[in-house]
Every structure is written in C-alpha cells, then in structure tokens.
Amino acid sequence: MGLKGERVETTRPGSDTKPPESVFTTTLDKMVRWARAGSLWPLPFGTACCAIEFMSVVSSHYDLARFGAEVVRFSPRQSDMMIVAGTVVDKQAPILKLIYEQMCSPKWVISMGVCASSGGFYRAYHVMQGIDEIVPVDVYVPGCPPTPEGLIYAIMKLQEKIERGEPSHYQVVLDREAAEARERKLARV
C-alpha cells in the first residue's frame, strides 16, 4: 500500500539542475484516498466471543498499528470504521443503527464473525440474521470465531477498496435512494 506516483525529470528554464530524487507527482484525490486508507479509526461493537478476537488483533502480537488502524475509538463521532463483532439481538439493533448514523462520512462497516454476518447457529426469533438488515456492510469476516488474521485481511481489503476510490456501501445506498427520490419527483410532475 502506498502512493504510486510518476517521477518527473524536468529542469527549470535556464537551469541544468534536476529536481531531487524524492519528488513525485500525484493527484489530490489519490493523496486523500491514500491518507484515508492508512488512517482508519475503528469503533468496535463487540457483543460476544468475536470481541475477544478483536482484542487480540489490537494487542502487540498482531499489531493492528502496522495498518494505521490502531486508534480505537468508542465515540462514533471520532471513528470511520465500525467493526461489529458478535451476535446482535433485536433489542440491540436500534442501538447499533443509532451509533452507525452518528458516525461521520465516509463510514465503513466490517461484519466480524458468522453471528454478525448471518446470525450464526442462533436461528431464533430474537437474533438478527445478519447486521446487513439494518446497516450496510462493506466487508464480511467469516468464521466462528474468526481468526485475527481474518480481521487483518478484511481491513487490508477495505484499505484497497478505499485506495481504488470505490464508494462505501453506505454511499451506494444513499446514491440509490437519491436517484429513486428524483424519479418519484419527476413522476409526480
């Protein structure tokens, strides 16, 4: 991961000196995406055993700081990546949605573990069968429990997605809703 610029071999008019070797050019958009991908601030929403696996990822053995995501925030207004780790029951769903809505854009969601992704082995009326019923999910981490390496891989995939300039699933949903609202407005006219 990193900026991929092009070396520029130019000289000033009337000068025979070359620019330093450390000069590269890029666009502001690429620079912002690179900075955004390398400075994700996670908000853990841990409800079960997957949260223990998340704790191991931020420990010194796995060192999530290598990927720029070590600044764990428990305030939605200071984070841009939510990691939902564990079973989410129906009573927790409004809380999860409220915390998600309080996050600043662009915001990203990782569904960690089979319980957060699909309800797991809990096929009961009170367990949500996947958090994608209430919040848009960008990356899913499989497993019960998911491995720390799996979460690190998911964060790396999310960083690649950000660097490519792909919108978050939240932005895709917003754009779709805005287009539908425009169509409804035009249909009324």
C-alpha atoms as a PDB file:
ATOM      1  CA  MET A   1       0.000   0.000   0.000  1.00  0.00           C
ATOM      2  CA  GLY A   2       1.287   3.456  -0.765  1.00  0.00           C
ATOM      3  CA  LEU A   3       1.244   6.264  -3.213  1.00  0.00           C
ATOM      4  CA  LYS A   4       2.253   5.349  -6.694  1.00  0.00           C
ATOM      5  CA  GLY A   5       3.483   8.480  -8.401  1.00  0.00           C
ATOM      6  CA  GLU A   6       5.414   9.168 -11.517  1.00  0.00           C
ATOM      7  CA  ARG A   7       8.938  10.538 -11.416  1.00  0.00           C
ATOM      8  CA  VAL A   8       9.304  13.822 -13.198  1.00  0.00           C
ATOM      9  CA  GLU A   9      12.570  14.567 -14.938  1.00  0.00           C
ATOM     10  CA  THR A  10      12.315  18.264 -15.639  1.00  0.00           C
ATOM     11  CA  THR A  11      14.659  21.158 -15.336  1.00  0.00           C
ATOM     12  CA  ARG A  12      13.939  24.785 -14.757  1.00  0.00           C
ATOM     13  CA  PRO A  13      14.254  27.057 -17.781  1.00  0.00           C
ATOM     14  CA  GLY A  14      17.803  28.275 -17.955  1.00  0.00           C
ATOM     15  CA  SER A  15      18.983  25.781 -15.356  1.00  0.00           C
ATOM     16  CA  ASP A  16      20.803  22.494 -15.707  1.00  0.00           C
ATOM     17  CA  THR A  17      19.892  21.193 -12.244  1.00  0.00           C
ATOM     18  CA  LYS A  18      17.485  18.310 -11.804  1.00  0.00           C
ATOM     19  CA  PRO A  19      14.886  18.117  -9.025  1.00  0.00           C
ATOM     20  CA  PRO A  20      15.687  15.919  -6.026  1.00  0.00           C
ATOM     21  CA  GLU A  21      15.128  12.164  -6.449  1.00  0.00           C
ATOM     22  CA  SER A  22      12.376  12.183  -3.828  1.00  0.00           C
ATOM     23  CA  VAL A  23       9.984  14.252  -5.917  1.00  0.00           C
ATOM     24  CA  PHE A  24       6.894  12.595  -7.332  1.00  0.00           C
ATOM     25  CA  THR A  25       3.614  13.822  -8.660  1.00  0.00           C
ATOM     26  CA  THR A  26       0.110  12.630  -7.951  1.00  0.00           C
ATOM     27  CA  THR A  27      -3.412  13.975  -7.802  1.00  0.00           C
ATOM     28  CA  LEU A  28      -5.014  15.380  -4.688  1.00  0.00           C
ATOM     29  CA  ASP A  29      -7.728  12.730  -4.929  1.00  0.00           C
ATOM     30  CA  LYS A  30      -5.165   9.902  -4.837  1.00  0.00           C
ATOM     31  CA  MET A  31      -3.401  11.525  -1.915  1.00  0.00           C
ATOM     32  CA  VAL A  32      -6.621  11.865   0.088  1.00  0.00           C
ATOM     33  CA  ARG A  33      -7.612   8.250  -0.642  1.00  0.00           C
ATOM     34  CA  TRP A  34      -4.145   7.042   0.401  1.00  0.00           C
ATOM     35  CA  ALA A  35      -4.326   9.023   3.652  1.00  0.00           C
ATOM     36  CA  ARG A  36      -7.866   7.845   4.340  1.00  0.00           C
ATOM     37  CA  ALA A  37      -6.954   4.203   3.761  1.00  0.00           C
ATOM     38  CA  GLY A  38      -3.930   4.424   6.029  1.00  0.00           C
ATOM     39  CA  SER A  39      -5.691   6.062   8.955  1.00  0.00           C
ATOM     40  CA  LEU A  40      -8.853   4.101   9.694  1.00  0.00           C
ATOM     41  CA  TRP A  41     -10.163   4.619  13.224  1.00  0.00           C
ATOM     42  CA  PRO A  42     -12.209   1.593  14.272  1.00  0.00           C
ATOM     43  CA  LEU A  43     -15.252   1.647  16.525  1.00  0.00           C
ATOM     44  CA  PRO A  44     -15.692  -1.837  17.994  1.00  0.00           C
ATOM     45  CA  PHE A  45     -19.249  -3.003  18.600  1.00  0.00           C
ATOM     46  CA  GLY A  46     -18.412  -6.238  20.384  1.00  0.00           C
ATOM     47  CA  THR A  47     -21.181  -8.346  21.838  1.00  0.00           C
ATOM     48  CA  ALA A  48     -19.804 -11.879  22.119  1.00  0.00           C
ATOM     49  CA  CYS A  49     -16.731 -14.070  21.704  1.00  0.00           C
ATOM     50  CA  CYS A  50     -15.746 -12.314  18.447  1.00  0.00           C
ATOM     51  CA  ALA A  51     -14.952  -9.247  20.533  1.00  0.00           C
ATOM     52  CA  ILE A  52     -12.241 -11.245  22.308  1.00  0.00           C
ATOM     53  CA  GLU A  53     -10.693 -11.994  18.913  1.00  0.00           C
ATOM     54  CA  PHE A  54     -10.818  -8.277  18.120  1.00  0.00           C
ATOM     55  CA  MET A  55      -8.947  -7.575  21.361  1.00  0.00           C
ATOM     56  CA  SER A  56      -6.191  -9.902  20.259  1.00  0.00           C
ATOM     57  CA  VAL A  57      -5.873  -8.046  16.945  1.00  0.00           C
ATOM     58  CA  VAL A  58      -5.119  -4.754  18.685  1.00  0.00           C
ATOM     59  CA  SER A  59      -2.599  -6.415  21.010  1.00  0.00           C
ATOM     60  CA  SER A  60       1.128  -6.431  20.401  1.00  0.00           C
ATOM     61  CA  HIS A  61       1.204  -9.913  18.835  1.00  0.00           C
ATOM     62  CA  TYR A  62      -0.813  -8.923  15.749  1.00  0.00           C
ATOM     63  CA  ASP A  63      -0.235  -5.155  15.993  1.00  0.00           C
ATOM     64  CA  LEU A  64      -3.016  -3.540  14.033  1.00  0.00           C
ATOM     65  CA  ALA A  65      -0.975  -0.324  14.178  1.00  0.00           C
ATOM     66  CA  ARG A  66       1.014  -1.592  11.186  1.00  0.00           C
ATOM     67  CA  PHE A  67      -2.093  -0.904   9.086  1.00  0.00           C
ATOM     68  CA  GLY A  68      -2.920   2.504  10.533  1.00  0.00           C
ATOM     69  CA  ALA A  69      -5.995   1.284  12.405  1.00  0.00           C
ATOM     70  CA  GLU A  70      -4.735   1.259  15.974  1.00  0.00           C
ATOM     71  CA  VAL A  71      -6.644   4.318  17.153  1.00  0.00           C
ATOM     72  CA  VAL A  72      -9.640   2.503  18.614  1.00  0.00           C
ATOM     73  CA  ARG A  73     -12.380   4.989  19.391  1.00  0.00           C
ATOM     74  CA  PHE A  74     -15.523   4.335  21.375  1.00  0.00           C
ATOM     75  CA  SER A  75     -17.152   7.516  20.153  1.00  0.00           C
ATOM     76  CA  PRO A  76     -18.950   7.266  16.805  1.00  0.00           C
ATOM     77  CA  ARG A  77     -18.112  10.881  16.008  1.00  0.00           C
ATOM     78  CA  GLN A  78     -14.397  10.112  16.089  1.00  0.00           C
ATOM     79  CA  SER A  79     -14.379   6.892  14.081  1.00  0.00           C
ATOM     80  CA  ASP A  80     -14.884   5.983  10.442  1.00  0.00           C
ATOM     81  CA  MET A  81     -14.866   2.171  10.546  1.00  0.00           C
ATOM     82  CA  MET A  82     -17.295   0.136  12.639  1.00  0.00           C
ATOM     83  CA  ILE A  83     -16.386  -3.455  13.436  1.00  0.00           C
ATOM     84  CA  VAL A  84     -19.456  -5.401  14.538  1.00  0.00           C
ATOM     85  CA  ALA A  85     -18.139  -8.445  16.355  1.00  0.00           C
ATOM     86  CA  GLY A  86     -20.639 -10.942  17.681  1.00  0.00           C
ATOM     87  CA  THR A  87     -24.308 -11.729  17.939  1.00  0.00           C
ATOM     88  CA  VAL A  88     -26.738  -8.842  17.587  1.00  0.00           C
ATOM     89  CA  VAL A  89     -30.191  -9.391  19.047  1.00  0.00           C
ATOM     90  CA  ASP A  90     -33.295  -7.432  18.069  1.00  0.00           C
ATOM     91  CA  LYS A  91     -33.118  -5.225  21.173  1.00  0.00           C
ATOM     92  CA  GLN A  92     -29.601  -4.116  20.212  1.00  0.00           C
ATOM     93  CA  ALA A  93     -30.491  -3.346  16.584  1.00  0.00           C
ATOM     94  CA  PRO A  94     -31.772   0.217  17.205  1.00  0.00           C
ATOM     95  CA  ILE A  95     -28.660   0.970  19.275  1.00  0.00           C
ATOM     96  CA  LEU A  96     -26.380  -0.308  16.511  1.00  0.00           C
ATOM     97  CA  LYS A  97     -28.279   1.733  13.916  1.00  0.00           C
ATOM     98  CA  LEU A  98     -28.094   4.888  16.058  1.00  0.00           C
ATOM     99  CA  ILE A  99     -24.351   4.520  16.603  1.00  0.00           C
ATOM    100  CA  TYR A 100     -23.868   3.922  12.879  1.00  0.00           C
ATOM    101  CA  GLU A 101     -25.882   7.016  11.966  1.00  0.00           C
ATOM    102  CA  GLN A 102     -23.779   9.142  14.337  1.00  0.00           C
ATOM    103  CA  MET A 103     -20.568   8.261  12.500  1.00  0.00           C
ATOM    104  CA  CYS A 104     -19.179  10.829  10.075  1.00  0.00           C
ATOM    105  CA  SER A 105     -18.973  10.094   6.359  1.00  0.00           C
ATOM    106  CA  PRO A 106     -17.299   8.317   4.739  1.00  0.00           C
ATOM    107  CA  LYS A 107     -18.001   5.408   7.037  1.00  0.00           C
ATOM    108  CA  TRP A 108     -17.189   1.746   6.631  1.00  0.00           C
ATOM    109  CA  VAL A 109     -18.553  -1.398   8.291  1.00  0.00           C
ATOM    110  CA  ILE A 110     -16.882  -4.761   8.843  1.00  0.00           C
ATOM    111  CA  SER A 111     -19.107  -7.640   9.925  1.00  0.00           C
ATOM    112  CA  MET A 112     -16.874  -9.879  12.013  1.00  0.00           C
ATOM    113  CA  GLY A 113     -17.870 -13.489  12.547  1.00  0.00           C
ATOM    114  CA  VAL A 114     -20.683 -15.692  11.413  1.00  0.00           C
ATOM    115  CA  CYS A 115     -23.105 -14.373  14.064  1.00  0.00           C
ATOM    116  CA  ALA A 116     -22.838 -10.774  12.876  1.00  0.00           C
ATOM    117  CA  SER A 117     -22.848 -11.844   9.233  1.00  0.00           C
ATOM    118  CA  SER A 118     -25.746 -14.310   9.213  1.00  0.00           C
ATOM    119  CA  GLY A 119     -26.992 -14.949  12.733  1.00  0.00           C
ATOM    120  CA  GLY A 120     -24.699 -17.931  13.147  1.00  0.00           C
ATOM    121  CA  PHE A 121     -26.182 -21.014  14.726  1.00  0.00           C
ATOM    122  CA  TYR A 122     -28.802 -18.889  16.501  1.00  0.00           C
ATOM    123  CA  ARG A 123     -31.934 -19.478  14.411  1.00  0.00           C
ATOM    124  CA  ALA A 124     -34.195 -17.826  16.953  1.00  0.00           C
ATOM    125  CA  TYR A 125     -36.760 -15.068  16.777  1.00  0.00           C
ATOM    126  CA  HIS A 126     -34.705 -12.654  18.879  1.00  0.00           C
ATOM    127  CA  VAL A 127     -31.395 -12.859  16.926  1.00  0.00           C
ATOM    128  CA  MET A 128     -30.808 -10.769  13.833  1.00  0.00           C
ATOM    129  CA  GLN A 129     -29.925 -12.934  10.860  1.00  0.00           C
ATOM    130  CA  GLY A 130     -27.143 -10.602   9.730  1.00  0.00           C
ATOM    131  CA  ILE A 131     -26.474  -6.955  10.516  1.00  0.00           C
ATOM    132  CA  ASP A 132     -26.912  -6.059   6.863  1.00  0.00           C
ATOM    133  CA  GLU A 133     -30.623  -5.896   7.687  1.00  0.00           C
ATOM    134  CA  ILE A 134     -30.024  -2.554   9.432  1.00  0.00           C
ATOM    135  CA  VAL A 135     -26.603  -1.199   8.389  1.00  0.00           C
ATOM    136  CA  PRO A 136     -24.785  -1.554   5.054  1.00  0.00           C
ATOM    137  CA  VAL A 137     -21.757  -3.856   5.320  1.00  0.00           C
ATOM    138  CA  ASP A 138     -18.586  -3.356   3.272  1.00  0.00           C
ATOM    139  CA  VAL A 139     -16.538  -6.424   4.261  1.00  0.00           C
ATOM    140  CA  TYR A 140     -17.513  -9.721   5.880  1.00  0.00           C
ATOM    141  CA  VAL A 141     -15.107 -11.773   8.023  1.00  0.00           C
ATOM    142  CA  PRO A 142     -16.085 -15.466   8.120  1.00  0.00           C
ATOM    143  CA  GLY A 143     -15.515 -17.877  10.962  1.00  0.00           C
ATOM    144  CA  CYS A 144     -16.702 -18.893  14.382  1.00  0.00           C
ATOM    145  CA  PRO A 145     -14.682 -17.490  15.946  1.00  0.00           C
ATOM    146  CA  PRO A 146     -12.990 -15.510  13.189  1.00  0.00           C
ATOM    147  CA  THR A 147      -9.233 -15.510  13.333  1.00  0.00           C
ATOM    148  CA  PRO A 148      -7.249 -12.331  13.971  1.00  0.00           C
ATOM    149  CA  GLU A 149      -5.601 -12.884  10.594  1.00  0.00           C
ATOM    150  CA  GLY A 150      -9.072 -12.855   9.013  1.00  0.00           C
ATOM    151  CA  LEU A 151      -9.849  -9.450  10.502  1.00  0.00           C
ATOM    152  CA  ILE A 152      -6.479  -8.078   9.412  1.00  0.00           C
ATOM    153  CA  TYR A 153      -7.148  -9.391   5.899  1.00  0.00           C
ATOM    154  CA  ALA A 154     -10.570  -7.692   5.924  1.00  0.00           C
ATOM    155  CA  ILE A 155      -9.017  -4.386   6.968  1.00  0.00           C
ATOM    156  CA  MET A 156      -6.425  -4.705   4.217  1.00  0.00           C
ATOM    157  CA  LYS A 157      -9.193  -5.398   1.654  1.00  0.00           C
ATOM    158  CA  LEU A 158     -11.099  -2.374   2.922  1.00  0.00           C
ATOM    159  CA  GLN A 159      -7.960  -0.241   2.560  1.00  0.00           C
ATOM    160  CA  GLU A 160      -7.534  -1.459  -1.021  1.00  0.00           C
ATOM    161  CA  LYS A 161     -11.158  -0.583  -1.735  1.00  0.00           C
ATOM    162  CA  ILE A 162     -10.660   2.928  -0.341  1.00  0.00           C
ATOM    163  CA  GLU A 163      -7.451   3.463  -2.326  1.00  0.00           C
ATOM    164  CA  ARG A 164      -9.186   2.412  -5.552  1.00  0.00           C
ATOM    165  CA  GLY A 165     -11.774   5.085  -4.875  1.00  0.00           C
ATOM    166  CA  GLU A 166     -14.713   2.710  -4.541  1.00  0.00           C
ATOM    167  CA  PRO A 167     -17.546   4.204  -2.502  1.00  0.00           C
ATOM    168  CA  SER A 168     -18.608   2.650   0.769  1.00  0.00           C
ATOM    169  CA  HIS A 169     -21.754   0.567   0.699  1.00  0.00           C
ATOM    170  CA  TYR A 170     -23.385   3.406   2.653  1.00  0.00           C
ATOM    171  CA  GLN A 171     -22.652   5.843  -0.191  1.00  0.00           C
ATOM    172  CA  VAL A 172     -24.033   3.408  -2.766  1.00  0.00           C
ATOM    173  CA  VAL A 173     -27.272   3.118  -0.794  1.00  0.00           C
ATOM    174  CA  LEU A 174     -27.500   6.915  -0.445  1.00  0.00           C
ATOM    175  CA  ASP A 175     -26.974   7.419  -4.176  1.00  0.00           C
ATOM    176  CA  ARG A 176     -29.621   4.800  -4.997  1.00  0.00           C
ATOM    177  CA  GLU A 177     -32.138   6.408  -2.619  1.00  0.00           C
ATOM    178  CA  ALA A 178     -31.435   9.865  -4.081  1.00  0.00           C
ATOM    179  CA  ALA A 179     -31.965   8.554  -7.627  1.00  0.00           C
ATOM    180  CA  GLU A 180     -35.240   6.904  -6.611  1.00  0.00           C
ATOM    181  CA  ALA A 181     -36.398  10.140  -4.944  1.00  0.00           C
ATOM    182  CA  ARG A 182     -35.601  12.094  -8.139  1.00  0.00           C
ATOM    183  CA  GLU A 183     -37.557   9.568 -10.204  1.00  0.00           C
ATOM    184  CA  ARG A 184     -40.555   9.813  -7.872  1.00  0.00           C
ATOM    185  CA  LYS A 185     -40.398  13.613  -8.045  1.00  0.00           C
ATOM    186  CA  LEU A 186     -40.246  13.557 -11.839  1.00  0.00           C
ATOM    187  CA  ALA A 187     -43.128  11.083 -12.000  1.00  0.00           C
ATOM    188  CA  ARG A 188     -45.327  13.463  -9.985  1.00  0.00           C
ATOM    189  CA  VAL A 189     -44.591  16.400 -12.315  1.00  0.00           C
END
